[in-house]
C-alpha atoms as a PDB file:
ATOM      1  CA  MET A   1     -15.770 -33.281  23.624  1.00  0.00           C
ATOM      2  CA  TYR A   2     -12.804 -31.087  23.521  1.00  0.00           C
ATOM      3  CA  THR A   3     -11.861 -32.269  19.706  1.00  0.00           C
ATOM      4  CA  ARG A   4     -15.359 -31.218  18.709  1.00  0.00           C
ATOM      5  CA  ILE A   5     -14.817 -28.124  20.330  1.00  0.00           C
ATOM      6  CA  LEU A   6     -11.516 -27.438  18.753  1.00  0.00           C
ATOM      7  CA  SER A   7     -12.911 -28.290  15.558  1.00  0.00           C
ATOM      8  CA  LEU A   8     -15.944 -25.870  15.634  1.00  0.00           C
ATOM      9  CA  LEU A   9     -13.445 -23.241  16.618  1.00  0.00           C
ATOM     10  CA  LEU A  10     -11.243 -23.939  13.344  1.00  0.00           C
ATOM     11  CA  ILE A  11     -14.455 -23.802  11.523  1.00  0.00           C
ATOM     12  CA  LEU A  12     -15.192 -20.370  12.770  1.00  0.00           C
ATOM     13  CA  ILE A  13     -11.823 -19.279  12.363  1.00  0.00           C
ATOM     14  CA  ILE A  14     -11.838 -20.339   8.701  1.00  0.00           C
ATOM     15  CA  CYS A  15     -14.881 -18.802   7.870  1.00  0.00           C
ATOM     16  CA  SER A  16     -13.898 -15.371   9.650  1.00  0.00           C
ATOM     17  CA  ILE A  17     -10.882 -15.609   7.671  1.00  0.00           C
ATOM     18  CA  VAL A  18     -12.861 -16.152   4.050  1.00  0.00           C
ATOM     19  CA  GLN A  19     -15.079 -13.470   5.213  1.00  0.00           C
ATOM     20  CA  ALA A  20     -12.319 -10.844   5.465  1.00  0.00           C
ATOM     21  CA  GLN A  21     -10.847 -11.597   2.146  1.00  0.00           C
ATOM     22  CA  ASP A  22     -11.598  -8.476  -0.291  1.00  0.00           C
ATOM     23  CA  PRO A  23     -13.958  -9.402  -3.249  1.00  0.00           C
ATOM     24  CA  GLU A  24     -12.081  -9.645  -6.461  1.00  0.00           C
ATOM     25  CA  ASN A  25     -11.756  -6.532  -7.989  1.00  0.00           C
ATOM     26  CA  ILE A  26     -13.442  -6.084 -11.914  1.00  0.00           C
ATOM     27  CA  ILE A  27     -11.246  -3.103 -12.259  1.00  0.00           C
ATOM     28  CA  ASN A  28      -7.603  -3.407 -13.477  1.00  0.00           C
ATOM     29  CA  ASN A  29      -5.408  -1.230 -11.995  1.00  0.00           C
ATOM     30  CA  GLY A  30      -7.295   0.615  -9.580  1.00  0.00           C
ATOM     31  CA  ASP A  31      -4.220   2.034  -8.130  1.00  0.00           C
ATOM     32  CA  PHE A  32      -2.132   3.125 -11.121  1.00  0.00           C
ATOM     33  CA  GLU A  33       0.495   1.092  -9.917  1.00  0.00           C
ATOM     34  CA  ALA A  34       0.995   0.154 -13.925  1.00  0.00           C
ATOM     35  CA  GLN A  35       0.540   3.887 -14.876  1.00  0.00           C
ATOM     36  CA  PHE A  36      -2.436   4.082 -17.118  1.00  0.00           C
ATOM     37  CA  ASP A  37      -2.643   0.363 -18.201  1.00  0.00           C
ATOM     38  CA  ALA A  38      -6.140  -0.998 -18.779  1.00  0.00           C
ATOM     39  CA  TRP A  39      -7.318   2.843 -18.309  1.00  0.00           C
ATOM     40  CA  LEU A  40      -8.257   5.230 -21.347  1.00  0.00           C
ATOM     41  CA  PHE A  41      -9.283   8.829 -21.864  1.00  0.00           C
ATOM     42  CA  TRP A  42     -11.463  11.103 -24.270  1.00  0.00           C
ATOM     43  CA  THR A  43     -12.236  14.670 -25.071  1.00  0.00           C
ATOM     44  CA  GLN A  44     -14.917  16.190 -27.191  1.00  0.00           C
ATOM     45  CA  ASP A  45     -16.541  19.596 -28.055  1.00  0.00           C
ATOM     46  CA  GLY A  46     -13.467  21.357 -27.556  1.00  0.00           C
ATOM     47  CA  ALA A  47     -12.173  20.457 -23.985  1.00  0.00           C
ATOM     48  CA  VAL A  48      -8.541  20.579 -23.359  1.00  0.00           C
ATOM     49  CA  ALA A  49      -7.451  18.053 -20.705  1.00  0.00           C
ATOM     50  CA  GLU A  50      -4.406  16.122 -19.789  1.00  0.00           C
ATOM     51  CA  ARG A  51      -3.882  12.884 -17.399  1.00  0.00           C
ATOM     52  CA  PHE A  52      -0.439  12.551 -15.486  1.00  0.00           C
ATOM     53  CA  ILE A  53       0.790   9.663 -13.011  1.00  0.00           C
ATOM     54  CA  GLU A  54       1.798  11.504  -9.643  1.00  0.00           C
ATOM     55  CA  ASN A  55       3.503  10.027  -7.056  1.00  0.00           C
ATOM     56  CA  LYS A  56       5.426  12.874  -5.594  1.00  0.00           C
ATOM     57  CA  LYS A  57       3.303  15.929  -4.766  1.00  0.00           C
ATOM     58  CA  VAL A  58       0.081  14.012  -3.463  1.00  0.00           C
ATOM     59  CA  GLU A  59       0.305  11.307  -1.144  1.00  0.00           C
ATOM     60  CA  PRO A  60      -1.385   8.105  -2.317  1.00  0.00           C
ATOM     61  CA  VAL A  61      -4.741   6.656  -0.758  1.00  0.00           C
ATOM     62  CA  ASP A  62      -3.013   3.002  -1.413  1.00  0.00           C
ATOM     63  CA  GLY A  63       0.207   1.825  -3.609  1.00  0.00           C
ATOM     64  CA  GLU A  64       2.948   4.515  -4.534  1.00  0.00           C
ATOM     65  CA  SER A  65       1.089   6.378  -7.760  1.00  0.00           C
ATOM     66  CA  VAL A  66      -2.582   8.348  -8.051  1.00  0.00           C
ATOM     67  CA  ALA A  67      -4.306   9.194 -11.597  1.00  0.00           C
ATOM     68  CA  TYR A  68      -4.477  13.261 -11.822  1.00  0.00           C
ATOM     69  CA  VAL A  69      -6.839  14.886 -14.472  1.00  0.00           C
ATOM     70  CA  LYS A  70      -5.856  18.461 -15.560  1.00  0.00           C
ATOM     71  CA  ILE A  71      -9.012  20.087 -17.058  1.00  0.00           C
ATOM     72  CA  ASP A  72      -8.083  23.602 -18.685  1.00  0.00           C
ATOM     73  CA  ASN A  73     -11.262  23.444 -21.204  1.00  0.00           C
ATOM     74  CA  GLN A  74     -14.120  21.679 -20.221  1.00  0.00           C
ATOM     75  CA  GLY A  75     -15.761  21.831 -23.524  1.00  0.00           C
ATOM     76  CA  ALA A  76     -18.525  23.500 -25.376  1.00  0.00           C
ATOM     77  CA  GLY A  77     -21.547  20.645 -24.368  1.00  0.00           C
ATOM     78  CA  GLY A  78     -22.443  22.195 -20.661  1.00  0.00           C
ATOM     79  CA  THR A  79     -22.358  18.327 -19.549  1.00  0.00           C
ATOM     80  CA  ASN A  80     -19.954  16.191 -17.485  1.00  0.00           C
ATOM     81  CA  ASN A  81     -18.951  13.846 -20.717  1.00  0.00           C
ATOM     82  CA  GLN A  82     -16.491  16.101 -22.216  1.00  0.00           C
ATOM     83  CA  VAL A  83     -13.777  14.757 -20.493  1.00  0.00           C
ATOM     84  CA  GLN A  84     -13.927  10.880 -19.493  1.00  0.00           C
ATOM     85  CA  PHE A  85     -11.736   8.620 -17.795  1.00  0.00           C
ATOM     86  CA  TYR A  86     -12.621   4.994 -18.164  1.00  0.00           C
ATOM     87  CA  GLN A  87     -12.058   1.431 -18.102  1.00  0.00           C
ATOM     88  CA  GLY A  88     -13.774  -1.416 -20.468  1.00  0.00           C
ATOM     89  CA  PRO A  89     -14.763  -3.572 -22.002  1.00  0.00           C
ATOM     90  CA  PHE A  90     -15.951  -6.225 -18.735  1.00  0.00           C
ATOM     91  CA  VAL A  91     -18.883  -8.391 -17.747  1.00  0.00           C
ATOM     92  CA  ILE A  92     -21.394  -7.809 -15.131  1.00  0.00           C
ATOM     93  CA  LYS A  93     -24.278 -10.392 -14.708  1.00  0.00           C
ATOM     94  CA  LYS A  94     -28.170  -9.695 -14.367  1.00  0.00           C
ATOM     95  CA  ASP A  95     -29.768  -9.753 -10.956  1.00  0.00           C
ATOM     96  CA  LYS A  96     -25.931  -9.667  -9.355  1.00  0.00           C
ATOM     97  CA  LYS A  97     -25.660  -7.012  -6.779  1.00  0.00           C
ATOM     98  CA  TYR A  98     -22.404  -4.492  -7.526  1.00  0.00           C
ATOM     99  CA  THR A  99     -20.424  -2.095  -5.728  1.00  0.00           C
ATOM    100  CA  VAL A 100     -18.344   0.751  -7.061  1.00  0.00           C
ATOM    101  CA  SER A 101     -15.908   2.399  -4.771  1.00  0.00           C
ATOM    102  CA  ALA A 102     -12.977   5.109  -5.589  1.00  0.00           C
ATOM    103  CA  TRP A 103     -11.074   7.783  -3.844  1.00  0.00           C
ATOM    104  CA  VAL A 104     -11.251  11.186  -5.341  1.00  0.00           C
ATOM    105  CA  MET A 105     -10.442  14.825  -4.515  1.00  0.00           C
ATOM    106  CA  GLY A 106     -10.329  18.235  -6.428  1.00  0.00           C
ATOM    107  CA  GLY A 107      -7.931  21.098  -6.492  1.00  0.00           C
ATOM    108  CA  LYS A 108     -10.315  23.369  -5.409  1.00  0.00           C
ATOM    109  CA  GLY A 109     -13.123  21.828  -3.940  1.00  0.00           C
ATOM    110  CA  GLY A 110     -16.637  21.732  -5.126  1.00  0.00           C
ATOM    111  CA  GLU A 111     -15.536  20.221  -8.455  1.00  0.00           C
ATOM    112  CA  GLN A 112     -18.912  18.324 -10.195  1.00  0.00           C
ATOM    113  CA  ILE A 113     -18.232  14.852 -11.294  1.00  0.00           C
ATOM    114  CA  SER A 114     -20.302  11.416 -11.602  1.00  0.00           C
ATOM    115  CA  ILE A 115     -19.097   8.036 -11.957  1.00  0.00           C
ATOM    116  CA  SER A 116     -20.908   5.645 -13.775  1.00  0.00           C
ATOM    117  CA  VAL A 117     -21.406   1.867 -14.947  1.00  0.00           C
ATOM    118  CA  LEU A 118     -22.893   1.588 -18.365  1.00  0.00           C
ATOM    119  CA  LYS A 119     -22.955  -0.179 -21.799  1.00  0.00           C
ATOM    120  CA  HIS A 120     -19.334  -0.022 -23.507  1.00  0.00           C
ATOM    121  CA  ALA A 121     -21.208   1.051 -27.047  1.00  0.00           C
ATOM    122  CA  ASP A 122     -24.215   2.909 -28.334  1.00  0.00           C
ATOM    123  CA  PRO A 123     -26.742   3.450 -26.937  1.00  0.00           C
ATOM    124  CA  TRP A 124     -24.288   3.732 -23.784  1.00  0.00           C
ATOM    125  CA  THR A 125     -26.977   2.236 -21.179  1.00  0.00           C
ATOM    126  CA  GLY A 126     -26.454   3.336 -17.558  1.00  0.00           C
ATOM    127  CA  TYR A 127     -26.724   0.614 -15.219  1.00  0.00           C
ATOM    128  CA  GLY A 128     -25.667   2.677 -12.230  1.00  0.00           C
ATOM    129  CA  SER A 129     -24.342   6.045 -11.291  1.00  0.00           C
ATOM    130  CA  LYS A 130     -23.159   8.684  -8.706  1.00  0.00           C
ATOM    131  CA  ALA A 131     -23.186  12.085  -8.943  1.00  0.00           C
ATOM    132  CA  ILE A 132     -20.222  14.003  -6.515  1.00  0.00           C
ATOM    133  CA  THR A 133     -19.465  17.087  -5.291  1.00  0.00           C
ATOM    134  CA  LEU A 134     -15.703  16.950  -4.247  1.00  0.00           C
ATOM    135  CA  GLY A 135     -13.617  18.304  -1.351  1.00  0.00           C
ATOM    136  CA  MET A 136      -9.930  19.310  -1.063  1.00  0.00           C
ATOM    137  CA  GLN A 137      -9.140  15.738   0.671  1.00  0.00           C
ATOM    138  CA  TRP A 138      -9.344  12.654  -0.382  1.00  0.00           C
ATOM    139  CA  ASP A 139     -12.531  10.749   0.479  1.00  0.00           C
ATOM    140  CA  GLU A 140     -13.942   7.214  -0.690  1.00  0.00           C
ATOM    141  CA  TYR A 141     -17.101   7.828  -2.668  1.00  0.00           C
ATOM    142  CA  SER A 142     -19.300   4.710  -3.407  1.00  0.00           C
ATOM    143  CA  PHE A 143     -22.238   3.593  -4.687  1.00  0.00           C
ATOM    144  CA  THR A 144     -24.192  -0.354  -4.902  1.00  0.00           C
ATOM    145  CA  PHE A 145     -26.599  -1.361  -7.839  1.00  0.00           C
ATOM    146  CA  THR A 146     -28.362  -4.395  -9.020  1.00  0.00           C
ATOM    147  CA  GLN A 147     -27.638  -5.354 -12.624  1.00  0.00           C
ATOM    148  CA  ALA A 148     -30.887  -5.781 -14.458  1.00  0.00           C
ATOM    149  CA  VAL A 149     -29.603  -7.636 -17.624  1.00  0.00           C
ATOM    150  CA  ASP A 150     -26.501  -9.314 -18.860  1.00  0.00           C
ATOM    151  CA  GLU A 151     -23.908  -7.287 -20.260  1.00  0.00           C
ATOM    152  CA  PRO A 152     -20.584  -8.828 -21.692  1.00  0.00           C
ATOM    153  CA  ASN A 153     -19.692  -5.134 -22.743  1.00  0.00           C
ATOM    154  CA  THR A 154     -19.509  -2.519 -19.929  1.00  0.00           C
ATOM    155  CA  ARG A 155     -17.761   0.301 -18.653  1.00  0.00           C
ATOM    156  CA  LEU A 156     -16.802   2.310 -15.940  1.00  0.00           C
ATOM    157  CA  ASP A 157     -16.527   5.800 -16.334  1.00  0.00           C
ATOM    158  CA  PHE A 158     -15.369   8.974 -14.737  1.00  0.00           C
ATOM    159  CA  PHE A 159     -17.287  12.170 -16.252  1.00  0.00           C
ATOM    160  CA  LEU A 160     -15.271  14.905 -15.090  1.00  0.00           C
ATOM    161  CA  GLY A 161     -15.904  17.651 -17.575  1.00  0.00           C
ATOM    162  CA  THR A 162     -18.062  19.875 -15.658  1.00  0.00           C
ATOM    163  CA  ALA A 163     -16.009  23.024 -14.934  1.00  0.00           C
ATOM    164  CA  LYS A 164     -12.228  23.588 -15.328  1.00  0.00           C
ATOM    165  CA  GLY A 165     -10.136  22.203 -12.552  1.00  0.00           C
ATOM    166  CA  ASN A 166      -7.790  19.421 -11.394  1.00  0.00           C
ATOM    167  CA  ILE A 167      -9.200  16.051  -9.712  1.00  0.00           C
ATOM    168  CA  TRP A 168      -6.998  13.301  -8.504  1.00  0.00           C
ATOM    169  CA  ILE A 169      -8.265   9.425  -8.201  1.00  0.00           C
ATOM    170  CA  ASP A 170      -7.268   6.682  -6.541  1.00  0.00           C
ATOM    171  CA  HIS A 171      -8.172   3.096  -5.364  1.00  0.00           C
ATOM    172  CA  VAL A 172     -10.768   2.346  -7.898  1.00  0.00           C
ATOM    173  CA  ARG A 173     -12.785  -0.968  -7.124  1.00  0.00           C
ATOM    174  CA  LEU A 174     -15.480  -2.731  -8.172  1.00  0.00           C
ATOM    175  CA  TYR A 175     -16.666  -5.770  -7.010  1.00  0.00           C
ATOM    176  CA  GLU A 176     -20.029  -8.120  -6.624  1.00  0.00           C
ATOM    177  CA  GLY A 177     -22.046  -7.720  -3.534  1.00  0.00           C
ATOM    178  CA  GLU A 178     -22.459  -5.171  -0.866  1.00  0.00           C
ATOM    179  CA  TYR A 179     -19.569  -2.469   0.015  1.00  0.00           C
ATOM    180  CA  PHE A 180     -16.659  -3.974   1.517  1.00  0.00           C
ATOM    181  CA  ASP A 181     -14.324  -1.681   3.932  1.00  0.00           C
ATOM    182  CA  ASP A 182     -11.073  -3.266   3.132  1.00  0.00           C
ATOM    183  CA  GLY A 183      -9.162  -0.901   5.543  1.00  0.00           C
ATOM    184  CA  VAL A 184      -8.059   1.810   3.453  1.00  0.00           C
ATOM    185  CA  LYS A 185      -9.056   4.674   5.601  1.00  0.00           C
ATOM    186  CA  LYS A 186      -5.871   7.318   5.847  1.00  0.00           C
ATOM    187  CA  ARG A 187      -6.650  10.700   4.681  1.00  0.00           C
ATOM    188  CA  PRO A 188      -3.351  12.349   2.890  1.00  0.00           C
ATOM    189  CA  GLY A 189      -3.194  16.090   3.079  1.00  0.00           C
ATOM    190  CA  LYS A 190      -4.657  18.287   0.870  1.00  0.00           C
ATOM    191  CA  SER A 191      -4.091  18.906  -2.826  1.00  0.00           C
ATOM    192  CA  VAL A 192      -1.691  20.836  -4.120  1.00  0.00           C
ATOM    193  CA  ASP A 193      -0.779  23.663  -6.871  1.00  0.00           C
ATOM    194  CA  THR A 194      -0.314  21.339 -10.196  1.00  0.00           C
ATOM    195  CA  GLN A 195       1.611  24.314 -11.413  1.00  0.00           C
ATOM    196  CA  SER A 196       5.087  23.352  -9.950  1.00  0.00           C
ATOM    197  CA  LYS A 197       4.100  19.504 -10.798  1.00  0.00           C
ATOM    198  CA  LEU A 198       6.743  17.259 -12.051  1.00  0.00           C
ATOM    199  CA  SER A 199       4.478  14.472 -12.759  1.00  0.00           C
ATOM    200  CA  THR A 200       4.678  11.649 -15.536  1.00  0.00           C
ATOM    201  CA  THR A 201       2.406  13.278 -18.818  1.00  0.00           C
ATOM    202  CA  TRP A 202       0.580  11.116 -20.944  1.00  0.00           C
ATOM    203  CA  GLY A 203      -0.008  13.991 -23.275  1.00  0.00           C
ATOM    204  CA  LYS A 204      -3.331  15.999 -24.428  1.00  0.00           C
ATOM    205  CA  ILE A 205      -5.736  13.489 -25.439  1.00  0.00           C
ATOM    206  CA  LYS A 206      -8.069  14.877 -28.438  1.00  0.00           C
ATOM    207  CA  GLY A 207      -8.969  11.642 -29.919  1.00  0.00           C
ATOM    208  CA  LYS A 208     -12.382  10.294 -31.186  1.00  0.00           C
ATOM    209  CA  ARG A 209     -14.459   7.463 -28.322  1.00  0.00           C
ATOM    210  CA  VAL A 210     -11.998   4.293 -28.472  1.00  0.00           C
END
């Protein structure tokens, strides 16, 4: 009897450990510890923007680095796709449920952005998205969607081009299943004046869509 109880307890413990494990992140380098490895950047319609790796002036949500996008001109198109920060391609499967989450903050608060999962080629079919109004402190934004078709050519895209300003991004995740709280809940301090920043710049990107 004692052996059976002990075995049952061990099974329950193992199950709880398995359930507590983080789901596999489809996104590579979501904490930007490898700088911009796997991430791409694109502007259009006269938008002028730069991306940086920041690890001095803004406290990361997780790890040692965050991505920082400085937008000097949002472009002439009037929509947020003038500045895009994205990763792809990767595979998502029909009838599977997926969750996207990311920690983001703005320089002044009130910045309008969106996060989207879409086809990584024309016609750029959207599969799931969330419109966001940013605050001046880190906050986590997430959404869950059920994929309608098998899609071997998918991307995750931050659409940032609605206004001149500064945006920080960290701890980006895309995984199968409902939202999973991985314990990253700290709220670092407010964003800072970027004119005095000492960052690793990767230059202005004005090229065509990759």
